[in-house]
Protein backbone atom coordinates (compact mmCIF):
# COMPACT_ATOMS: atom_id res chain seq x y z
CA MET A 1 98.42 104.05 107.20
CA THR A 2 96.55 106.60 104.58
CA VAL A 3 96.48 106.58 100.76
CA LYS A 4 98.68 109.35 100.59
CA ASP A 5 101.28 108.39 103.27
CA VAL A 6 101.64 104.99 101.19
CA ALA A 7 101.61 106.78 97.95
CA ASP A 8 104.42 109.13 99.20
CA LYS A 9 106.40 106.52 101.57
CA LEU A 10 106.19 103.68 98.73
CA GLY A 11 106.71 106.26 95.64
CA PHE A 12 103.91 105.25 93.90
CA THR A 13 102.35 107.89 91.45
CA ALA A 14 99.09 109.81 92.64
CA HIS A 15 96.53 110.33 89.42
CA THR A 16 94.29 111.32 91.86
CA LEU A 17 93.87 111.41 95.80
CA PRO A 18 90.51 113.29 96.47
CA ASP A 19 90.30 111.26 99.71
CA GLY A 20 94.11 110.90 100.43
CA GLU A 21 93.45 110.85 104.18
CA ARG A 22 91.33 107.42 103.70
CA GLU A 23 93.30 104.74 106.03
CA ILE A 24 94.09 101.37 104.49
CA THR A 25 92.87 98.31 106.23
CA GLY A 26 94.09 95.62 103.69
CA VAL A 27 95.06 94.91 100.49
CA TYR A 28 92.66 93.04 97.54
CA ILE A 29 94.46 92.01 94.36
CA GLY A 30 92.27 90.84 91.14
CA ASP A 31 91.56 91.87 87.71
CA LEU A 32 87.96 90.03 86.93
CA LEU A 33 86.00 93.02 87.81
CA SER A 34 82.72 91.04 88.31
CA TRP A 35 84.89 88.85 91.04
CA VAL A 36 86.43 91.85 92.63
CA MET A 37 83.00 93.52 92.73
CA GLY A 38 81.61 90.85 95.15
CA ARG A 39 84.96 90.26 97.30
CA ALA A 40 86.83 93.29 97.71
CA GLY A 41 86.48 94.73 101.04
CA ALA A 42 85.94 98.34 101.94
CA ASP A 43 88.96 100.33 102.99
CA GLU A 44 91.31 97.96 101.05
CA ALA A 45 93.62 98.84 98.47
CA TRP A 46 92.59 97.17 95.10
CA ILE A 47 95.84 96.37 93.10
CA THR A 48 94.86 95.64 89.49
CA ILE A 49 96.25 95.83 85.87
CA MET A 50 93.03 96.85 84.49
CA SER A 51 92.92 100.68 83.12
CA ASN A 52 89.80 101.11 81.98
CA ARG A 53 86.62 103.13 83.18
CA ASN A 54 85.02 100.31 84.66
CA ILE A 55 87.64 100.00 87.38
CA VAL A 56 85.99 103.43 88.84
CA ALA A 57 82.57 101.92 89.25
CA VAL A 58 83.56 98.88 90.64
CA ALA A 59 85.62 100.65 93.19
CA THR A 60 82.49 103.14 94.14
CA LEU A 61 80.56 99.69 94.60
CA ALA A 62 83.09 97.69 96.97
CA ASP A 63 84.21 101.00 98.32
CA THR A 64 87.92 100.53 98.29
CA ALA A 65 90.22 103.01 99.77
CA CYS A 66 92.03 103.49 96.38
CA ILE A 67 92.72 101.66 93.23
CA LEU A 68 96.53 100.68 92.66
CA LEU A 69 97.54 99.99 88.82
CA ALA A 70 100.44 97.71 89.31
CA GLU A 71 103.14 96.93 86.44
CA GLY A 72 103.71 100.33 85.50
CA VAL A 73 99.93 100.34 84.03
CA VAL A 74 98.73 103.88 83.63
CA PRO A 75 94.90 104.65 83.23
CA ASP A 76 93.55 105.13 79.93
CA GLU A 77 92.21 108.53 78.76
CA GLY A 78 89.76 110.07 80.81
CA VAL A 79 89.89 107.57 83.77
CA ALA A 80 91.77 109.78 86.27
CA GLN A 81 89.19 112.59 85.62
CA LEU A 82 86.54 110.23 86.10
CA ALA A 83 88.10 108.72 89.56
CA GLN A 84 88.48 112.42 90.73
CA ASP A 85 84.70 113.46 89.88
CA LYS A 86 83.96 109.86 91.82
CA GLY A 87 85.90 110.73 94.71
CA ILE A 88 87.88 107.39 93.79
CA ASN A 89 92.01 107.60 94.89
CA LEU A 90 94.04 106.36 91.77
CA LEU A 91 97.52 105.26 92.08
CA THR A 92 100.16 103.49 90.12
CA SER A 93 102.68 101.53 90.87
CA PRO A 94 106.05 100.13 88.74
CA TYR A 95 106.09 96.67 90.39
CA SER A 96 104.35 93.72 89.65
CA ALA A 97 101.20 93.21 91.93
CA TYR A 98 102.93 90.58 94.34
CA ASP A 99 105.87 93.04 94.83
CA THR A 100 103.14 95.76 95.24
CA ALA A 101 101.36 93.69 97.41
CA LEU A 102 104.11 92.84 99.55
CA ARG A 103 105.27 96.71 99.61
CA LEU A 104 101.92 98.06 101.19
CA ARG A 105 102.01 94.81 103.75
CA ASP A 106 105.12 96.25 105.22
CA CYS A 107 103.51 99.46 105.63
CA LEU A 108 100.14 98.23 107.08
């Protein structure tokens, strides 16, 4: 399923969708950026509560399909624009990381 389809179906807020047609093939949950960088897979939805600009760099290096901020976290100032500039899809979810992942599992 595409990032845009997931956002629409699950009611996640899209802050940026420069590549909304990108397919999500799995889910990775993590907040330790160096750990995520080495373990998140390409085309996975990355669920985190980190909201600073470093998440955009990590998503770029890991080639994730999107960053999904859980627990109602909103991106820090300027992060959405940076994500847009770098071609990174950025969504937010009101649910916990666990519940967000469960909802994604049912879509994929």
